[in-house]
Amino acid sequence: MVVQVLRNLLTSIPTFWGEAELLQVVELYLDSSDGSATESTEMSLLVKTVAKRASPTVLLPALCGMWEKTIANVAKVCIIHDHQIGFICS
């Protein structure tokens, strides 16, 4: 139900969504990946709606920023592991 409301809002008012809101939707989608089949379907529809309706000038920088944070976090984990147990990240 909540996902349908979000999808309807995005369809009705796509310019209302900023970078922070889009990132929350993507994070919600990633966090719900182990949910039920119905929930997964609803979330997939929401993310597809984001891809179709969100402004590219907002969506692309948001996803690039998320990617940069992910890479930075992976690098931090590799550094920590390298110093603690001799693990080397490629």
C-alpha atoms as a PDB file:
ATOM      1  CA  MET A   1       0.000   0.000   0.000  1.00  0.00           C
ATOM      2  CA  VAL A   2       2.693   2.507   0.991  1.00  0.00           C
ATOM      3  CA  VAL A   3       4.748   1.650  -2.063  1.00  0.00           C
ATOM      4  CA  GLN A   4       1.712   2.250  -4.285  1.00  0.00           C
ATOM      5  CA  VAL A   5       1.235   5.683  -2.716  1.00  0.00           C
ATOM      6  CA  LEU A   6       4.884   6.542  -3.366  1.00  0.00           C
ATOM      7  CA  ARG A   7       4.582   5.333  -6.947  1.00  0.00           C
ATOM      8  CA  ASN A   8       1.423   7.395  -7.482  1.00  0.00           C
ATOM      9  CA  LEU A   9       3.115  10.484  -6.037  1.00  0.00           C
ATOM     10  CA  LEU A  10       6.074  10.028  -8.325  1.00  0.00           C
ATOM     11  CA  THR A  11       3.798   9.593 -11.326  1.00  0.00           C
ATOM     12  CA  SER A  12       1.686  12.633 -10.418  1.00  0.00           C
ATOM     13  CA  ILE A  13       4.425  15.019  -9.278  1.00  0.00           C
ATOM     14  CA  PRO A  14       7.815  13.871 -10.596  1.00  0.00           C
ATOM     15  CA  THR A  15       9.456  17.260  -9.975  1.00  0.00           C
ATOM     16  CA  PHE A  16       8.592  17.021  -6.272  1.00  0.00           C
ATOM     17  CA  TRP A  17      11.303  14.397  -5.792  1.00  0.00           C
ATOM     18  CA  GLY A  18      14.800  15.555  -4.969  1.00  0.00           C
ATOM     19  CA  GLU A  19      18.082  13.710  -4.689  1.00  0.00           C
ATOM     20  CA  ALA A  20      17.561  12.763  -1.034  1.00  0.00           C
ATOM     21  CA  GLU A  21      14.106  11.282  -1.669  1.00  0.00           C
ATOM     22  CA  LEU A  22      15.290   9.268  -4.664  1.00  0.00           C
ATOM     23  CA  LEU A  23      18.210   7.890  -2.669  1.00  0.00           C
ATOM     24  CA  GLN A  24      15.819   6.832   0.074  1.00  0.00           C
ATOM     25  CA  VAL A  25      13.745   4.923  -2.471  1.00  0.00           C
ATOM     26  CA  VAL A  26      16.838   3.165  -3.849  1.00  0.00           C
ATOM     27  CA  GLU A  27      18.054   2.295  -0.349  1.00  0.00           C
ATOM     28  CA  LEU A  28      14.588   1.014   0.558  1.00  0.00           C
ATOM     29  CA  TYR A  29      14.637  -1.147  -2.560  1.00  0.00           C
ATOM     30  CA  LEU A  30      18.060  -2.571  -1.687  1.00  0.00           C
ATOM     31  CA  ASP A  31      17.039  -3.190   1.928  1.00  0.00           C
ATOM     32  CA  SER A  32      13.855  -4.984   0.877  1.00  0.00           C
ATOM     33  CA  SER A  33      15.598  -7.443  -1.426  1.00  0.00           C
ATOM     34  CA  ASP A  34      15.038 -10.276   1.051  1.00  0.00           C
ATOM     35  CA  GLY A  35      11.317  -9.553   1.464  1.00  0.00           C
ATOM     36  CA  SER A  36       8.294 -11.407   0.165  1.00  0.00           C
ATOM     37  CA  ALA A  37       7.615 -11.869  -3.533  1.00  0.00           C
ATOM     38  CA  THR A  38       4.714  -9.389  -3.413  1.00  0.00           C
ATOM     39  CA  GLU A  39       6.841  -6.775  -1.656  1.00  0.00           C
ATOM     40  CA  SER A  40       9.667  -7.351  -4.118  1.00  0.00           C
ATOM     41  CA  THR A  41       7.316  -6.869  -7.073  1.00  0.00           C
ATOM     42  CA  GLU A  42       5.923  -3.644  -5.613  1.00  0.00           C
ATOM     43  CA  MET A  43       9.415  -2.297  -4.935  1.00  0.00           C
ATOM     44  CA  SER A  44      10.556  -3.226  -8.454  1.00  0.00           C
ATOM     45  CA  LEU A  45       7.614  -1.296  -9.897  1.00  0.00           C
ATOM     46  CA  LEU A  46       8.508   1.703  -7.729  1.00  0.00           C
ATOM     47  CA  VAL A  47      12.136   1.685  -8.867  1.00  0.00           C
ATOM     48  CA  LYS A  48      11.054   1.358 -12.508  1.00  0.00           C
ATOM     49  CA  THR A  49       8.753   4.327 -12.015  1.00  0.00           C
ATOM     50  CA  VAL A  50      11.658   6.300 -10.534  1.00  0.00           C
ATOM     51  CA  ALA A  51      13.777   5.448 -13.574  1.00  0.00           C
ATOM     52  CA  LYS A  52      11.027   6.540 -15.959  1.00  0.00           C
ATOM     53  CA  ARG A  53       9.593   9.585 -14.197  1.00  0.00           C
ATOM     54  CA  ALA A  54      12.340  11.203 -12.125  1.00  0.00           C
ATOM     55  CA  SER A  55      14.248  14.061 -13.651  1.00  0.00           C
ATOM     56  CA  PRO A  56      17.571  12.866 -15.076  1.00  0.00           C
ATOM     57  CA  THR A  57      19.202  16.006 -13.693  1.00  0.00           C
ATOM     58  CA  VAL A  58      18.300  14.761 -10.211  1.00  0.00           C
ATOM     59  CA  LEU A  59      18.459  10.985 -10.655  1.00  0.00           C
ATOM     60  CA  LEU A  60      21.873  10.670 -12.281  1.00  0.00           C
ATOM     61  CA  PRO A  61      23.780  12.792  -9.741  1.00  0.00           C
ATOM     62  CA  ALA A  62      21.989  10.936  -6.928  1.00  0.00           C
ATOM     63  CA  LEU A  63      23.024   7.539  -8.264  1.00  0.00           C
ATOM     64  CA  CYS A  64      26.572   8.716  -8.978  1.00  0.00           C
ATOM     65  CA  GLY A  65      26.849  10.036  -5.429  1.00  0.00           C
ATOM     66  CA  MET A  66      25.554   6.758  -4.047  1.00  0.00           C
ATOM     67  CA  TRP A  67      28.078   4.843  -6.148  1.00  0.00           C
ATOM     68  CA  GLU A  68      30.954   7.060  -4.937  1.00  0.00           C
ATOM     69  CA  LYS A  69      29.943   6.494  -1.294  1.00  0.00           C
ATOM     70  CA  THR A  70      29.786   2.749  -1.883  1.00  0.00           C
ATOM     71  CA  ILE A  71      33.255   2.685  -3.444  1.00  0.00           C
ATOM     72  CA  ALA A  72      34.657   4.799  -0.590  1.00  0.00           C
ATOM     73  CA  ASN A  73      33.129   2.457   1.997  1.00  0.00           C
ATOM     74  CA  VAL A  74      34.552  -0.606   0.261  1.00  0.00           C
ATOM     75  CA  ALA A  75      37.974   1.058   0.177  1.00  0.00           C
ATOM     76  CA  LYS A  76      37.742   1.801   3.926  1.00  0.00           C
ATOM     77  CA  VAL A  77      36.841  -1.805   4.661  1.00  0.00           C
ATOM     78  CA  CYS A  78      39.776  -3.019   2.569  1.00  0.00           C
ATOM     79  CA  ILE A  79      42.172  -0.704   4.407  1.00  0.00           C
ATOM     80  CA  ILE A  80      40.888  -1.864   7.783  1.00  0.00           C
ATOM     81  CA  HIS A  81      41.204  -5.515   6.787  1.00  0.00           C
ATOM     82  CA  ASP A  82      44.640  -4.945   5.285  1.00  0.00           C
ATOM     83  CA  HIS A  83      45.953  -3.486   8.544  1.00  0.00           C
ATOM     84  CA  GLN A  84      44.296  -6.004  10.837  1.00  0.00           C
ATOM     85  CA  ILE A  85      44.719  -9.376   9.164  1.00  0.00           C
ATOM     86  CA  GLY A  86      46.856  -8.831   6.100  1.00  0.00           C
ATOM     87  CA  PHE A  87      43.933  -8.933   3.673  1.00  0.00           C
ATOM     88  CA  ILE A  88      44.707  -7.220   0.358  1.00  0.00           C
ATOM     89  CA  CYS A  89      41.936  -5.778  -1.773  1.00  0.00           C
ATOM     90  CA  SER A  90      42.347  -5.536  -5.488  1.00  0.00           C
END
